[in-house]
Amino acid sequence: MDKFFIQLYGNIDDLCNSRILEELDYYMYDVRDKKEMVFYFIEEQSIFIILNKETSWNMEKLQILCRTALRENRFLLIPINNSCGYMSTNIWDNINKTSVEFFESPKKYKNLIKRGNKISKLKTLIKRFKLPINN
């Protein structure tokens, strides 16, 4: 598996974050072709991306995705295939275990986190933006 670390720099605002997350969400939850799937998770302003062995992704394609979504903001994209560094155990578990489980059975993983289809995604968005009614 190929693993990448993306560090965001500059004036990272909510709009910028939402653009990159929407792009990554699409390739993690909505795309059906396993060669196009990515697994990602976020830790503060860092994004970890794991790609399957049979992927159609490469460093250049990933860089274009980030550049398009982040526009004028700066980022650092580093391959971390040698897996060295000091991070919490939770991060290494996500990189080495959870990502493998995802690629083995993406549908099971999506159902586990209730992101199985677009309708459930819309329901989640509606719940998030639902305003409380004051009587």
N, C-alpha and C. Protein backbone atom coordinates (compact mmCIF):
# COMPACT_ATOMS: atom_id res chain seq x y z
N MET A 1 0.83 -1.18 0.00
CA MET A 1 0.00 0.00 0.00
C MET A 1 0.87 1.24 0.00
N ASP A 2 0.41 2.25 -0.71
CA ASP A 2 1.10 3.53 -0.72
C ASP A 2 0.44 4.44 0.30
N LYS A 3 1.29 5.12 1.08
CA LYS A 3 0.79 6.00 2.14
C LYS A 3 1.35 7.39 1.92
N PHE A 4 0.50 8.40 2.13
CA PHE A 4 0.91 9.79 1.95
C PHE A 4 0.47 10.62 3.13
N PHE A 5 1.26 11.63 3.40
CA PHE A 5 1.00 12.59 4.47
C PHE A 5 0.86 13.96 3.82
N ILE A 6 -0.25 14.64 4.10
CA ILE A 6 -0.46 15.99 3.58
C ILE A 6 -0.60 16.93 4.76
N GLN A 7 0.27 17.94 4.81
CA GLN A 7 0.21 18.97 5.83
C GLN A 7 -0.29 20.25 5.17
N LEU A 8 -1.35 20.83 5.72
CA LEU A 8 -1.92 22.07 5.17
C LEU A 8 -1.29 23.27 5.86
N TYR A 9 -0.99 24.29 5.07
CA TYR A 9 -0.37 25.51 5.58
C TYR A 9 -1.16 26.72 5.11
N GLY A 10 -0.86 27.86 5.71
CA GLY A 10 -1.46 29.11 5.26
C GLY A 10 -2.79 29.37 5.93
N ASN A 11 -3.60 30.16 5.26
CA ASN A 11 -4.91 30.54 5.79
C ASN A 11 -5.94 29.47 5.45
N ILE A 12 -5.89 28.38 6.17
CA ILE A 12 -6.81 27.28 5.95
C ILE A 12 -8.13 27.63 6.62
N ASP A 13 -9.15 27.87 5.83
CA ASP A 13 -10.46 28.20 6.38
C ASP A 13 -11.41 27.03 6.19
N ASP A 14 -12.65 27.19 6.67
CA ASP A 14 -13.63 26.11 6.58
C ASP A 14 -13.97 25.76 5.15
N LEU A 15 -14.01 26.78 4.27
CA LEU A 15 -14.33 26.52 2.87
C LEU A 15 -13.24 25.67 2.22
N CYS A 16 -12.01 26.01 2.51
CA CYS A 16 -10.87 25.26 1.97
C CYS A 16 -10.91 23.81 2.49
N ASN A 17 -11.14 23.66 3.78
CA ASN A 17 -11.23 22.32 4.36
C ASN A 17 -12.37 21.53 3.76
N SER A 18 -13.51 22.18 3.56
CA SER A 18 -14.66 21.44 3.02
C SER A 18 -14.42 21.01 1.58
N ARG A 19 -13.69 21.81 0.79
CA ARG A 19 -13.42 21.41 -0.60
C ARG A 19 -12.55 20.16 -0.66
N ILE A 20 -11.48 20.13 0.11
CA ILE A 20 -10.59 18.96 0.07
C ILE A 20 -11.29 17.74 0.66
N LEU A 21 -12.09 17.93 1.70
CA LEU A 21 -12.79 16.81 2.31
C LEU A 21 -13.88 16.26 1.40
N GLU A 22 -14.56 17.13 0.66
CA GLU A 22 -15.57 16.65 -0.29
C GLU A 22 -14.92 15.81 -1.38
N GLU A 23 -13.77 16.25 -1.87
CA GLU A 23 -13.07 15.47 -2.90
C GLU A 23 -12.65 14.11 -2.35
N LEU A 24 -12.06 14.09 -1.17
CA LEU A 24 -11.61 12.84 -0.58
C LEU A 24 -12.79 11.94 -0.19
N ASP A 25 -13.87 12.56 0.30
CA ASP A 25 -15.08 11.78 0.62
C ASP A 25 -15.60 11.06 -0.62
N TYR A 26 -15.59 11.75 -1.74
CA TYR A 26 -16.07 11.13 -2.97
C TYR A 26 -15.25 9.88 -3.29
N TYR A 27 -13.94 9.99 -3.23
CA TYR A 27 -13.08 8.86 -3.59
C TYR A 27 -13.03 7.77 -2.51
N MET A 28 -13.52 8.09 -1.32
CA MET A 28 -13.56 7.07 -0.28
C MET A 28 -14.94 6.41 -0.19
N TYR A 29 -16.00 7.19 -0.32
CA TYR A 29 -17.33 6.66 -0.06
C TYR A 29 -18.19 6.45 -1.31
N ASP A 30 -18.05 7.29 -2.31
CA ASP A 30 -19.00 7.27 -3.43
C ASP A 30 -18.50 6.54 -4.67
N VAL A 31 -17.21 6.52 -4.89
CA VAL A 31 -16.69 5.88 -6.09
C VAL A 31 -16.82 4.36 -5.94
N ARG A 32 -17.15 3.70 -7.04
CA ARG A 32 -17.40 2.24 -6.97
C ARG A 32 -16.20 1.42 -7.41
N ASP A 33 -15.38 1.96 -8.27
CA ASP A 33 -14.22 1.23 -8.79
C ASP A 33 -13.14 1.17 -7.71
N LYS A 34 -12.74 -0.04 -7.33
CA LYS A 34 -11.73 -0.19 -6.27
C LYS A 34 -10.39 0.43 -6.64
N LYS A 35 -10.11 0.56 -7.94
CA LYS A 35 -8.85 1.16 -8.35
C LYS A 35 -8.83 2.66 -8.10
N GLU A 36 -10.00 3.27 -7.94
CA GLU A 36 -10.10 4.71 -7.70
C GLU A 36 -10.26 5.05 -6.22
N MET A 37 -10.46 4.04 -5.37
CA MET A 37 -10.73 4.29 -3.95
C MET A 37 -9.49 4.73 -3.19
N VAL A 38 -9.71 5.63 -2.26
CA VAL A 38 -8.67 6.05 -1.33
C VAL A 38 -9.22 5.90 0.09
N PHE A 39 -8.35 5.68 1.02
CA PHE A 39 -8.70 5.70 2.43
C PHE A 39 -7.97 6.89 3.03
N TYR A 40 -8.71 7.71 3.77
CA TYR A 40 -8.05 8.86 4.39
C TYR A 40 -8.61 9.10 5.78
N PHE A 41 -7.83 9.77 6.60
CA PHE A 41 -8.30 10.26 7.89
C PHE A 41 -7.51 11.52 8.22
N ILE A 42 -8.06 12.29 9.14
CA ILE A 42 -7.51 13.62 9.44
C ILE A 42 -7.08 13.67 10.90
N GLU A 43 -5.99 14.32 11.14
CA GLU A 43 -5.50 14.61 12.47
C GLU A 43 -5.06 16.07 12.47
N GLU A 44 -5.86 16.95 13.09
CA GLU A 44 -5.66 18.39 13.09
C GLU A 44 -5.59 18.91 11.65
N GLN A 45 -4.49 19.54 11.23
CA GLN A 45 -4.39 20.02 9.85
C GLN A 45 -3.56 19.08 8.99
N SER A 46 -3.51 17.83 9.40
CA SER A 46 -2.78 16.81 8.66
C SER A 46 -3.76 15.80 8.10
N ILE A 47 -3.52 15.40 6.87
CA ILE A 47 -4.36 14.40 6.22
C ILE A 47 -3.47 13.21 5.86
N PHE A 48 -3.92 12.02 6.23
CA PHE A 48 -3.21 10.80 5.89
C PHE A 48 -4.02 10.07 4.83
N ILE A 49 -3.38 9.72 3.72
CA ILE A 49 -4.06 9.05 2.62
C ILE A 49 -3.36 7.72 2.37
N ILE A 50 -4.16 6.66 2.28
CA ILE A 50 -3.62 5.34 1.99
C ILE A 50 -4.27 4.85 0.70
N LEU A 51 -3.45 4.34 -0.20
CA LEU A 51 -3.92 3.85 -1.50
C LEU A 51 -3.74 2.35 -1.59
N ASN A 52 -4.66 1.71 -2.26
CA ASN A 52 -4.62 0.27 -2.46
C ASN A 52 -3.45 -0.11 -3.38
N LYS A 53 -3.08 -1.38 -3.38
CA LYS A 53 -1.97 -1.86 -4.22
C LYS A 53 -2.30 -1.73 -5.71
N GLU A 54 -3.54 -2.03 -6.07
CA GLU A 54 -3.95 -2.01 -7.49
C GLU A 54 -4.56 -0.68 -7.88
N THR A 55 -4.13 0.40 -7.31
CA THR A 55 -4.74 1.70 -7.53
C THR A 55 -4.33 2.32 -8.86
N SER A 56 -5.16 3.23 -9.34
CA SER A 56 -4.80 4.01 -10.52
C SER A 56 -4.21 5.37 -10.11
N TRP A 57 -4.09 5.59 -8.79
CA TRP A 57 -3.54 6.84 -8.27
C TRP A 57 -2.01 6.80 -8.29
N ASN A 58 -1.44 7.99 -8.47
CA ASN A 58 0.00 8.17 -8.28
C ASN A 58 0.21 9.52 -7.62
N MET A 59 1.43 9.86 -7.34
CA MET A 59 1.74 11.10 -6.63
C MET A 59 1.26 12.33 -7.40
N GLU A 60 1.42 12.32 -8.71
CA GLU A 60 1.03 13.48 -9.52
C GLU A 60 -0.48 13.68 -9.51
N LYS A 61 -1.23 12.60 -9.63
CA LYS A 61 -2.69 12.69 -9.62
C LYS A 61 -3.19 13.18 -8.26
N LEU A 62 -2.58 12.71 -7.20
CA LEU A 62 -2.94 13.14 -5.85
C LEU A 62 -2.60 14.62 -5.64
N GLN A 63 -1.48 15.04 -6.18
CA GLN A 63 -1.08 16.44 -6.07
C GLN A 63 -2.04 17.34 -6.83
N ILE A 64 -2.51 16.91 -7.98
CA ILE A 64 -3.47 17.70 -8.75
C ILE A 64 -4.78 17.81 -7.99
N LEU A 65 -5.23 16.72 -7.40
CA LEU A 65 -6.46 16.76 -6.59
C LEU A 65 -6.33 17.77 -5.46
N CYS A 66 -5.22 17.75 -4.75
CA CYS A 66 -5.01 18.68 -3.63
C CYS A 66 -4.90 20.12 -4.11
N ARG A 67 -4.14 20.33 -5.17
CA ARG A 67 -3.96 21.69 -5.69
C ARG A 67 -5.29 22.29 -6.16
N THR A 68 -6.12 21.47 -6.81
CA THR A 68 -7.41 21.94 -7.29
C THR A 68 -8.33 22.28 -6.12
N ALA A 69 -8.37 21.43 -5.12
CA ALA A 69 -9.27 21.64 -3.99
C ALA A 69 -8.78 22.77 -3.07
N LEU A 70 -7.49 22.84 -2.86
CA LEU A 70 -6.95 23.83 -1.92
C LEU A 70 -6.69 25.18 -2.57
N ARG A 71 -6.66 25.22 -3.90
CA ARG A 71 -6.45 26.44 -4.69
C ARG A 71 -5.21 27.19 -4.27
N GLU A 72 -5.35 28.35 -3.67
CA GLU A 72 -4.19 29.19 -3.36
C GLU A 72 -3.48 28.79 -2.07
N ASN A 73 -4.07 27.90 -1.30
CA ASN A 73 -3.46 27.51 -0.04
C ASN A 73 -2.29 26.57 -0.29
N ARG A 74 -1.40 26.53 0.66
CA ARG A 74 -0.20 25.72 0.51
C ARG A 74 -0.35 24.40 1.24
N PHE A 75 0.33 23.40 0.72
CA PHE A 75 0.32 22.09 1.36
C PHE A 75 1.63 21.40 1.07
N LEU A 76 1.93 20.42 1.89
CA LEU A 76 3.12 19.60 1.74
C LEU A 76 2.65 18.15 1.60
N LEU A 77 3.03 17.50 0.50
CA LEU A 77 2.63 16.13 0.23
C LEU A 77 3.87 15.25 0.27
N ILE A 78 3.88 14.30 1.20
CA ILE A 78 5.06 13.45 1.41
C ILE A 78 4.64 11.98 1.43
N PRO A 79 5.31 11.14 0.64
CA PRO A 79 5.05 9.70 0.78
C PRO A 79 5.66 9.18 2.08
N ILE A 80 4.93 8.33 2.79
CA ILE A 80 5.45 7.80 4.07
C ILE A 80 5.51 6.28 4.02
N ASN A 81 5.97 5.75 2.91
CA ASN A 81 6.01 4.29 2.76
C ASN A 81 7.02 3.62 3.68
N ASN A 82 8.00 4.35 4.16
CA ASN A 82 8.98 3.74 5.06
C ASN A 82 8.52 3.75 6.51
N SER A 83 7.40 4.39 6.80
CA SER A 83 6.75 4.36 8.11
C SER A 83 7.71 4.61 9.27
N CYS A 84 8.31 5.76 9.30
CA CYS A 84 9.12 6.12 10.45
C CYS A 84 8.63 7.46 10.98
N GLY A 85 8.65 7.63 12.26
CA GLY A 85 8.21 8.86 12.88
C GLY A 85 7.55 8.57 14.20
N TYR A 86 7.34 9.62 14.95
CA TYR A 86 6.71 9.46 16.26
C TYR A 86 5.30 10.02 16.19
N MET A 87 4.32 9.14 16.24
CA MET A 87 2.91 9.52 16.24
C MET A 87 2.19 8.60 17.21
N SER A 88 0.99 8.98 17.57
CA SER A 88 0.23 8.15 18.50
C SER A 88 -0.08 6.80 17.88
N THR A 89 -0.33 5.84 18.72
CA THR A 89 -0.66 4.48 18.28
C THR A 89 -1.92 4.48 17.44
N ASN A 90 -2.86 5.35 17.76
CA ASN A 90 -4.11 5.44 17.02
C ASN A 90 -3.87 5.77 15.55
N ILE A 91 -2.93 6.66 15.27
CA ILE A 91 -2.62 7.03 13.89
C ILE A 91 -2.01 5.84 13.16
N TRP A 92 -1.06 5.14 13.79
CA TRP A 92 -0.44 3.99 13.14
C TRP A 92 -1.46 2.86 12.93
N ASP A 93 -2.40 2.71 13.87
CA ASP A 93 -3.45 1.69 13.69
C ASP A 93 -4.33 2.03 12.50
N ASN A 94 -4.67 3.31 12.34
CA ASN A 94 -5.46 3.73 11.17
C ASN A 94 -4.70 3.48 9.87
N ILE A 95 -3.42 3.76 9.89
CA ILE A 95 -2.60 3.59 8.68
C ILE A 95 -2.43 2.11 8.34
N ASN A 96 -2.10 1.29 9.32
CA ASN A 96 -1.72 -0.09 9.05
C ASN A 96 -2.83 -1.12 9.18
N LYS A 97 -3.85 -0.87 9.99
CA LYS A 97 -4.89 -1.87 10.20
C LYS A 97 -6.23 -1.46 9.59
N THR A 98 -6.73 -0.29 9.96
CA THR A 98 -8.05 0.14 9.49
C THR A 98 -8.07 0.28 7.98
N SER A 99 -7.01 0.78 7.39
CA SER A 99 -6.97 0.94 5.93
C SER A 99 -7.03 -0.41 5.23
N VAL A 100 -6.36 -1.41 5.78
CA VAL A 100 -6.39 -2.76 5.20
C VAL A 100 -7.81 -3.32 5.27
N GLU A 101 -8.46 -3.13 6.41
CA GLU A 101 -9.85 -3.59 6.55
C GLU A 101 -10.76 -2.88 5.55
N PHE A 102 -10.53 -1.61 5.34
CA PHE A 102 -11.34 -0.85 4.38
C PHE A 102 -11.21 -1.42 2.98
N PHE A 103 -9.98 -1.65 2.52
CA PHE A 103 -9.78 -2.12 1.16
C PHE A 103 -10.21 -3.57 0.98
N GLU A 104 -10.20 -4.36 2.05
CA GLU A 104 -10.68 -5.74 1.95
C GLU A 104 -12.19 -5.78 1.75
N SER A 105 -12.91 -4.89 2.44
CA SER A 105 -14.37 -4.87 2.34
C SER A 105 -14.88 -3.43 2.48
N PRO A 106 -14.83 -2.64 1.40
CA PRO A 106 -15.27 -1.24 1.50
C PRO A 106 -16.75 -1.11 1.87
N LYS A 107 -17.58 -1.99 1.34
CA LYS A 107 -19.02 -1.90 1.62
C LYS A 107 -19.29 -2.12 3.10
N LYS A 108 -18.63 -3.09 3.70
CA LYS A 108 -18.79 -3.37 5.13
C LYS A 108 -18.34 -2.16 5.95
N TYR A 109 -17.22 -1.57 5.57
CA TYR A 109 -16.70 -0.40 6.29
C TYR A 109 -17.66 0.78 6.17
N LYS A 110 -18.19 1.01 4.98
CA LYS A 110 -19.13 2.12 4.77
C LYS A 110 -20.39 1.92 5.58
N ASN A 111 -20.88 0.69 5.64
CA ASN A 111 -22.07 0.41 6.44
C ASN A 111 -21.80 0.56 7.93
N LEU A 112 -20.59 0.20 8.34
CA LEU A 112 -20.20 0.30 9.74
C LEU A 112 -20.24 1.75 10.22
N ILE A 113 -19.83 2.67 9.37
CA ILE A 113 -19.85 4.08 9.76
C ILE A 113 -21.06 4.81 9.18
N LYS A 114 -22.03 4.03 8.70
CA LYS A 114 -23.30 4.55 8.19
C LYS A 114 -23.11 5.53 7.05
N ARG A 115 -22.22 5.19 6.10
CA ARG A 115 -22.02 6.00 4.91
C ARG A 115 -22.21 5.14 3.68
N GLY A 116 -23.19 4.25 3.71
CA GLY A 116 -23.38 3.28 2.66
C GLY A 116 -23.83 3.85 1.33
N ASN A 117 -24.62 4.92 1.33
CA ASN A 117 -25.09 5.46 0.07
C ASN A 117 -25.35 6.96 0.20
N LYS A 118 -25.77 7.56 -0.90
CA LYS A 118 -25.96 9.01 -0.92
C LYS A 118 -27.13 9.45 -0.05
N ILE A 119 -28.17 8.62 0.07
CA ILE A 119 -29.31 8.98 0.89
C ILE A 119 -28.91 9.09 2.35
N SER A 120 -28.13 8.14 2.85
CA SER A 120 -27.69 8.23 4.24
C SER A 120 -26.76 9.41 4.44
N LYS A 121 -25.98 9.76 3.42
CA LYS A 121 -25.10 10.93 3.50
C LYS A 121 -25.94 12.20 3.61
N LEU A 122 -27.00 12.29 2.82
CA LEU A 122 -27.89 13.46 2.88
C LEU A 122 -28.60 13.54 4.23
N LYS A 123 -29.03 12.40 4.76
CA LYS A 123 -29.68 12.40 6.08
C LYS A 123 -28.73 12.90 7.15
N THR A 124 -27.48 12.50 7.06
CA THR A 124 -26.48 12.96 8.02
C THR A 124 -26.29 14.47 7.92
N LEU A 125 -26.24 14.99 6.68
CA LEU A 125 -26.10 16.43 6.49
C LEU A 125 -27.29 17.18 7.05
N ILE A 126 -28.50 16.66 6.83
CA ILE A 126 -29.71 17.30 7.33
C ILE A 126 -29.71 17.33 8.85
N LYS A 127 -29.33 16.22 9.48
CA LYS A 127 -29.27 16.19 10.94
C LYS A 127 -28.26 17.19 11.48
N ARG A 128 -27.15 17.34 10.77
CA ARG A 128 -26.11 18.25 11.23
C ARG A 128 -26.55 19.71 11.18
N PHE A 129 -27.33 20.06 10.14
CA PHE A 129 -27.74 21.45 9.97
C PHE A 129 -29.13 21.76 10.48
N LYS A 130 -29.78 20.77 11.08
CA LYS A 130 -31.13 20.95 11.61
C LYS A 130 -31.06 21.89 12.81
N LEU A 131 -31.85 22.95 12.78
CA LEU A 131 -31.86 23.92 13.85
C LEU A 131 -32.87 23.50 14.93
N PRO A 132 -32.55 23.71 16.20
CA PRO A 132 -33.52 23.37 17.25
C PRO A 132 -34.68 24.37 17.24
N ILE A 133 -35.86 23.85 17.51
CA ILE A 133 -37.05 24.69 17.52
C ILE A 133 -37.26 25.18 18.95
N ASN A 134 -37.29 26.50 19.13
CA ASN A 134 -37.51 27.09 20.44
C ASN A 134 -38.98 27.41 20.62
N ASN A 135 -39.57 26.89 21.66
CA ASN A 135 -41.00 27.15 21.94
C ASN A 135 -41.16 28.27 22.91
